[in-house]
């Protein structure tokens, strides 16, 4: 599924959220975005963000 197709998913029910998972030692002002070739993604952020989202439901 392309990102542009996500609107079809939301016709039923859903949510689209942006997740920043920049490593803590990277400056947010200069760190590359997650989808850039030189971007870094801190995988440990996934569990924390998922738990936070579940608690909000």
PDB file of N, CA and C in Angstrom:
ATOM      1  N   UNK A   1       0.850  -1.175   0.000  1.00  0.00           N
ATOM      2  CA  UNK A   1       0.000   0.000   0.000  1.00  0.00           C
ATOM      3  C   UNK A   1       0.895   1.237   0.000  1.00  0.00           C
ATOM      4  N   UNK A   2       0.574   2.145  -0.835  1.00  0.00           N
ATOM      5  CA  UNK A   2       1.287   3.419  -0.876  1.00  0.00           C
ATOM      6  C   UNK A   2       0.751   4.333   0.224  1.00  0.00           C
ATOM      7  N   UNK A   3       1.567   5.250   0.684  1.00  0.00           N
ATOM      8  CA  UNK A   3       1.144   6.183   1.724  1.00  0.00           C
ATOM      9  C   UNK A   3      -0.085   6.965   1.281  1.00  0.00           C
ATOM     10  N   UNK A   4      -0.134   7.306   0.004  1.00  0.00           N
ATOM     11  CA  UNK A   4      -1.270   8.079  -0.502  1.00  0.00           C
ATOM     12  C   UNK A   4      -2.573   7.280  -0.443  1.00  0.00           C
ATOM     13  N   UNK A   5      -2.475   5.949  -0.343  1.00  0.00           N
ATOM     14  CA  UNK A   5      -3.666   5.096  -0.278  1.00  0.00           C
ATOM     15  C   UNK A   5      -4.227   4.984   1.133  1.00  0.00           C
ATOM     16  N   UNK A   6      -3.570   5.555   2.101  1.00  0.00           N
ATOM     17  CA  UNK A   6      -4.019   5.400   3.482  1.00  0.00           C
ATOM     18  C   UNK A   6      -5.404   5.997   3.699  1.00  0.00           C
ATOM     19  N   UNK A   7      -5.790   6.955   2.881  1.00  0.00           N
ATOM     20  CA  UNK A   7      -7.121   7.547   3.026  1.00  0.00           C
ATOM     21  C   UNK A   7      -8.212   6.494   2.851  1.00  0.00           C
ATOM     22  N   UNK A   8      -7.950   5.456   2.072  1.00  0.00           N
ATOM     23  CA  UNK A   8      -8.945   4.384   1.902  1.00  0.00           C
ATOM     24  C   UNK A   8      -9.097   3.578   3.193  1.00  0.00           C
ATOM     25  N   UNK A   9      -8.022   3.385   3.917  1.00  0.00           N
ATOM     26  CA  UNK A   9      -8.094   2.692   5.202  1.00  0.00           C
ATOM     27  C   UNK A   9      -8.942   3.500   6.172  1.00  0.00           C
ATOM     28  N   UNK A  10      -8.777   4.814   6.158  1.00  0.00           N
ATOM     29  CA  UNK A  10      -9.499   5.664   7.098  1.00  0.00           C
ATOM     30  C   UNK A  10     -10.981   5.801   6.764  1.00  0.00           C
ATOM     31  N   UNK A  11     -11.406   5.309   5.610  1.00  0.00           N
ATOM     32  CA  UNK A  11     -12.842   5.329   5.317  1.00  0.00           C
ATOM     33  C   UNK A  11     -13.595   4.405   6.269  1.00  0.00           C
ATOM     34  N   UNK A  12     -12.936   3.400   6.803  1.00  0.00           N
ATOM     35  CA  UNK A  12     -13.565   2.475   7.748  1.00  0.00           C
ATOM     36  C   UNK A  12     -13.335   2.984   9.164  1.00  0.00           C
ATOM     37  N   UNK A  13     -12.112   2.955   9.602  1.00  0.00           N
ATOM     38  CA  UNK A  13     -11.754   3.442  10.929  1.00  0.00           C
ATOM     39  C   UNK A  13     -10.243   3.386  11.052  1.00  0.00           C
ATOM     40  N   UNK A  14      -9.658   4.357  11.684  1.00  0.00           N
ATOM     41  CA  UNK A  14      -8.214   4.324  11.844  1.00  0.00           C
ATOM     42  C   UNK A  14      -7.652   5.644  12.303  1.00  0.00           C
ATOM     43  N   UNK A  15      -6.358   5.667  12.393  1.00  0.00           N
ATOM     44  CA  UNK A  15      -5.644   6.866  12.809  1.00  0.00           C
ATOM     45  C   UNK A  15      -4.286   6.862  12.123  1.00  0.00           C
ATOM     46  N   UNK A  16      -3.800   8.039  11.806  1.00  0.00           N
ATOM     47  CA  UNK A  16      -2.478   8.197  11.217  1.00  0.00           C
ATOM     48  C   UNK A  16      -1.679   9.075  12.155  1.00  0.00           C
ATOM     49  N   UNK A  17      -0.575   8.573  12.631  1.00  0.00           N
ATOM     50  CA  UNK A  17       0.236   9.327  13.584  1.00  0.00           C
ATOM     51  C   UNK A  17       1.684   9.347  13.125  1.00  0.00           C
ATOM     52  N   UNK A  18       2.353  10.444  13.365  1.00  0.00           N
ATOM     53  CA  UNK A  18       3.769  10.551  13.054  1.00  0.00           C
ATOM     54  C   UNK A  18       4.563  10.131  14.280  1.00  0.00           C
ATOM     55  N   UNK A  19       5.568   9.322  14.058  1.00  0.00           N
ATOM     56  CA  UNK A  19       6.397   8.823  15.145  1.00  0.00           C
ATOM     57  C   UNK A  19       7.833   9.255  14.910  1.00  0.00           C
ATOM     58  N   UNK A  20       8.352  10.002  15.829  1.00  0.00           N
ATOM     59  CA  UNK A  20       9.758  10.372  15.763  1.00  0.00           C
ATOM     60  C   UNK A  20      10.533   9.406  16.650  1.00  0.00           C
ATOM     61  N   UNK A  21      11.552   8.803  16.098  1.00  0.00           N
ATOM     62  CA  UNK A  21      12.359   7.855  16.865  1.00  0.00           C
ATOM     63  C   UNK A  21      13.837   8.145  16.644  1.00  0.00           C
ATOM     64  N   UNK A  22      14.173   9.393  16.727  1.00  0.00           N
ATOM     65  CA  UNK A  22      15.550   9.850  16.572  1.00  0.00           C
ATOM     66  C   UNK A  22      16.341   9.391  17.786  1.00  0.00           C
ATOM     67  N   UNK A  23      17.549   8.860  17.571  1.00  0.00           N
ATOM     68  CA  UNK A  23      18.373   8.488  18.719  1.00  0.00           C
ATOM     69  C   UNK A  23      18.613   9.697  19.632  1.00  0.00           C
ATOM     70  N   UNK A  24      18.659   9.465  20.906  1.00  0.00           N
ATOM     71  CA  UNK A  24      18.758  10.546  21.887  1.00  0.00           C
ATOM     72  C   UNK A  24      20.019  11.392  21.737  1.00  0.00           C
ATOM     73  N   UNK A  25      21.069  10.805  21.179  1.00  0.00           N
ATOM     74  CA  UNK A  25      22.315  11.561  21.056  1.00  0.00           C
ATOM     75  C   UNK A  25      22.380  12.417  19.794  1.00  0.00           C
ATOM     76  N   UNK A  26      21.322  12.430  18.990  1.00  0.00           N
ATOM     77  CA  UNK A  26      21.296  13.227  17.763  1.00  0.00           C
ATOM     78  C   UNK A  26      20.555  14.527  18.009  1.00  0.00           C
ATOM     79  N   UNK A  27      21.077  15.617  17.482  1.00  0.00           N
ATOM     80  CA  UNK A  27      20.457  16.932  17.607  1.00  0.00           C
ATOM     81  C   UNK A  27      19.203  16.980  16.732  1.00  0.00           C
ATOM     82  N   UNK A  28      18.022  17.237  17.297  1.00  0.00           N
ATOM     83  CA  UNK A  28      16.796  17.247  16.501  1.00  0.00           C
ATOM     84  C   UNK A  28      16.807  18.299  15.389  1.00  0.00           C
ATOM     85  N   UNK A  29      17.572  19.349  15.557  1.00  0.00           N
ATOM     86  CA  UNK A  29      17.613  20.404  14.540  1.00  0.00           C
ATOM     87  C   UNK A  29      18.394  19.975  13.299  1.00  0.00           C
ATOM     88  N   UNK A  30      19.316  19.037  13.457  1.00  0.00           N
ATOM     89  CA  UNK A  30      20.149  18.642  12.325  1.00  0.00           C
ATOM     90  C   UNK A  30      20.023  17.169  11.954  1.00  0.00           C
ATOM     91  N   UNK A  31      19.321  16.381  12.739  1.00  0.00           N
ATOM     92  CA  UNK A  31      19.190  14.948  12.454  1.00  0.00           C
ATOM     93  C   UNK A  31      18.359  14.736  11.188  1.00  0.00           C
ATOM     94  N   UNK A  32      18.790  13.819  10.314  1.00  0.00           N
ATOM     95  CA  UNK A  32      17.999  13.541   9.114  1.00  0.00           C
ATOM     96  C   UNK A  32      16.705  12.815   9.474  1.00  0.00           C
ATOM     97  N   UNK A  33      15.707  12.981   8.636  1.00  0.00           N
ATOM     98  CA  UNK A  33      14.422  12.316   8.853  1.00  0.00           C
ATOM     99  C   UNK A  33      14.573  10.812   8.706  1.00  0.00           C
ATOM    100  N   UNK A  34      13.653  10.056   9.276  1.00  0.00           N
ATOM    101  CA  UNK A  34      13.734   8.595   9.285  1.00  0.00           C
ATOM    102  C   UNK A  34      13.793   7.983   7.894  1.00  0.00           C
ATOM    103  N   UNK A  35      13.140   8.571   6.918  1.00  0.00           N
ATOM    104  CA  UNK A  35      13.068   7.955   5.597  1.00  0.00           C
ATOM    105  C   UNK A  35      14.172   8.395   4.654  1.00  0.00           C
ATOM    106  N   UNK A  36      15.132   9.142   5.135  1.00  0.00           N
ATOM    107  CA  UNK A  36      16.281   9.526   4.318  1.00  0.00           C
ATOM    108  C   UNK A  36      17.354   8.443   4.405  1.00  0.00           C
ATOM    109  N   UNK A  37      18.180   8.320   3.378  1.00  0.00           N
ATOM    110  CA  UNK A  37      19.207   7.267   3.390  1.00  0.00           C
ATOM    111  C   UNK A  37      20.145   7.335   4.595  1.00  0.00           C
ATOM    112  N   UNK A  38      20.408   8.516   5.103  1.00  0.00           N
ATOM    113  CA  UNK A  38      21.305   8.640   6.251  1.00  0.00           C
ATOM    114  C   UNK A  38      20.558   8.793   7.575  1.00  0.00           C
ATOM    115  N   UNK A  39      19.259   8.585   7.547  1.00  0.00           N
ATOM    116  CA  UNK A  39      18.469   8.690   8.769  1.00  0.00           C
ATOM    117  C   UNK A  39      18.733   7.521   9.707  1.00  0.00           C
ATOM    118  N   UNK A  40      18.634   7.771  10.993  1.00  0.00           N
ATOM    119  CA  UNK A  40      18.790   6.732  12.006  1.00  0.00           C
ATOM    120  C   UNK A  40      17.482   6.608  12.770  1.00  0.00           C
ATOM    121  N   UNK A  41      17.087   5.398  13.065  1.00  0.00           N
ATOM    122  CA  UNK A  41      15.836   5.118  13.752  1.00  0.00           C
ATOM    123  C   UNK A  41      16.147   4.322  15.001  1.00  0.00           C
ATOM    124  N   UNK A  42      15.712   4.816  16.133  1.00  0.00           N
ATOM    125  CA  UNK A  42      15.928   4.135  17.408  1.00  0.00           C
ATOM    126  C   UNK A  42      14.788   3.147  17.623  1.00  0.00           C
ATOM    127  N   UNK A  43      15.039   1.862  17.333  1.00  0.00           N
ATOM    128  CA  UNK A  43      13.993   0.837  17.441  1.00  0.00           C
ATOM    129  C   UNK A  43      13.416   0.706  18.845  1.00  0.00           C
ATOM    130  N   UNK A  44      14.177   1.063  19.853  1.00  0.00           N
ATOM    131  CA  UNK A  44      13.652   0.944  21.221  1.00  0.00           C
ATOM    132  C   UNK A  44      12.496   1.906  21.465  1.00  0.00           C
ATOM    133  N   UNK A  45      12.352   2.912  20.632  1.00  0.00           N
ATOM    134  CA  UNK A  45      11.246   3.860  20.786  1.00  0.00           C
ATOM    135  C   UNK A  45       9.902   3.226  20.449  1.00  0.00           C
ATOM    136  N   UNK A  46       9.906   2.182  19.626  1.00  0.00           N
ATOM    137  CA  UNK A  46       8.642   1.576  19.201  1.00  0.00           C
ATOM    138  C   UNK A  46       7.832   1.031  20.369  1.00  0.00           C
ATOM    139  N   UNK A  47       8.473   0.303  21.253  1.00  0.00           N
ATOM    140  CA  UNK A  47       7.749  -0.272  22.397  1.00  0.00           C
ATOM    141  C   UNK A  47       7.204   0.826  23.305  1.00  0.00           C
ATOM    142  N   UNK A  48       7.991   1.848  23.556  1.00  0.00           N
ATOM    143  CA  UNK A  48       7.523   2.951  24.418  1.00  0.00           C
ATOM    144  C   UNK A  48       6.348   3.684  23.782  1.00  0.00           C
ATOM    145  N   UNK A  49       6.449   3.970  22.493  1.00  0.00           N
ATOM    146  CA  UNK A  49       5.364   4.700  21.816  1.00  0.00           C
ATOM    147  C   UNK A  49       4.102   3.846  21.712  1.00  0.00           C
ATOM    148  N   UNK A  50       4.257   2.548  21.460  1.00  0.00           N
ATOM    149  CA  UNK A  50       3.085   1.664  21.387  1.00  0.00           C
ATOM    150  C   UNK A  50       2.384   1.580  22.737  1.00  0.00           C
ATOM    151  N   UNK A  51       3.153   1.489  23.804  1.00  0.00           N
ATOM    152  CA  UNK A  51       2.559   1.439  25.151  1.00  0.00           C
ATOM    153  C   UNK A  51       1.831   2.746  25.460  1.00  0.00           C
ATOM    154  N   UNK A  52       2.417   3.852  25.079  1.00  0.00           N
ATOM    155  CA  UNK A  52       1.780   5.156  25.319  1.00  0.00           C
ATOM    156  C   UNK A  52       0.472   5.272  24.529  1.00  0.00           C
ATOM    157  N   UNK A  53       0.484   4.817  23.283  1.00  0.00           N
ATOM    158  CA  UNK A  53      -0.725   4.880  22.460  1.00  0.00           C
ATOM    159  C   UNK A  53      -1.806   3.970  23.012  1.00  0.00           C
ATOM    160  N   UNK A  54      -1.432   2.776  23.480  1.00  0.00           N
ATOM    161  CA  UNK A  54      -2.415   1.849  24.040  1.00  0.00           C
ATOM    162  C   UNK A  54      -3.028   2.405  25.319  1.00  0.00           C
ATOM    163  N   UNK A  55      -2.234   3.078  26.117  1.00  0.00           N
ATOM    164  CA  UNK A  55      -2.740   3.652  27.364  1.00  0.00           C
ATOM    165  C   UNK A  55      -3.714   4.792  27.093  1.00  0.00           C
ATOM    166  N   UNK A  56      -3.576   5.441  25.949  1.00  0.00           N
ATOM    167  CA  UNK A  56      -4.450   6.575  25.624  1.00  0.00           C
ATOM    168  C   UNK A  56      -5.809   6.119  25.113  1.00  0.00           C
ATOM    169  N   UNK A  57      -5.934   4.851  24.768  1.00  0.00           N
ATOM    170  CA  UNK A  57      -7.224   4.353  24.208  1.00  0.00           C
ATOM    171  C   UNK A  57      -8.230   4.078  25.289  1.00  0.00           C
TER     172      UNK A  57
END
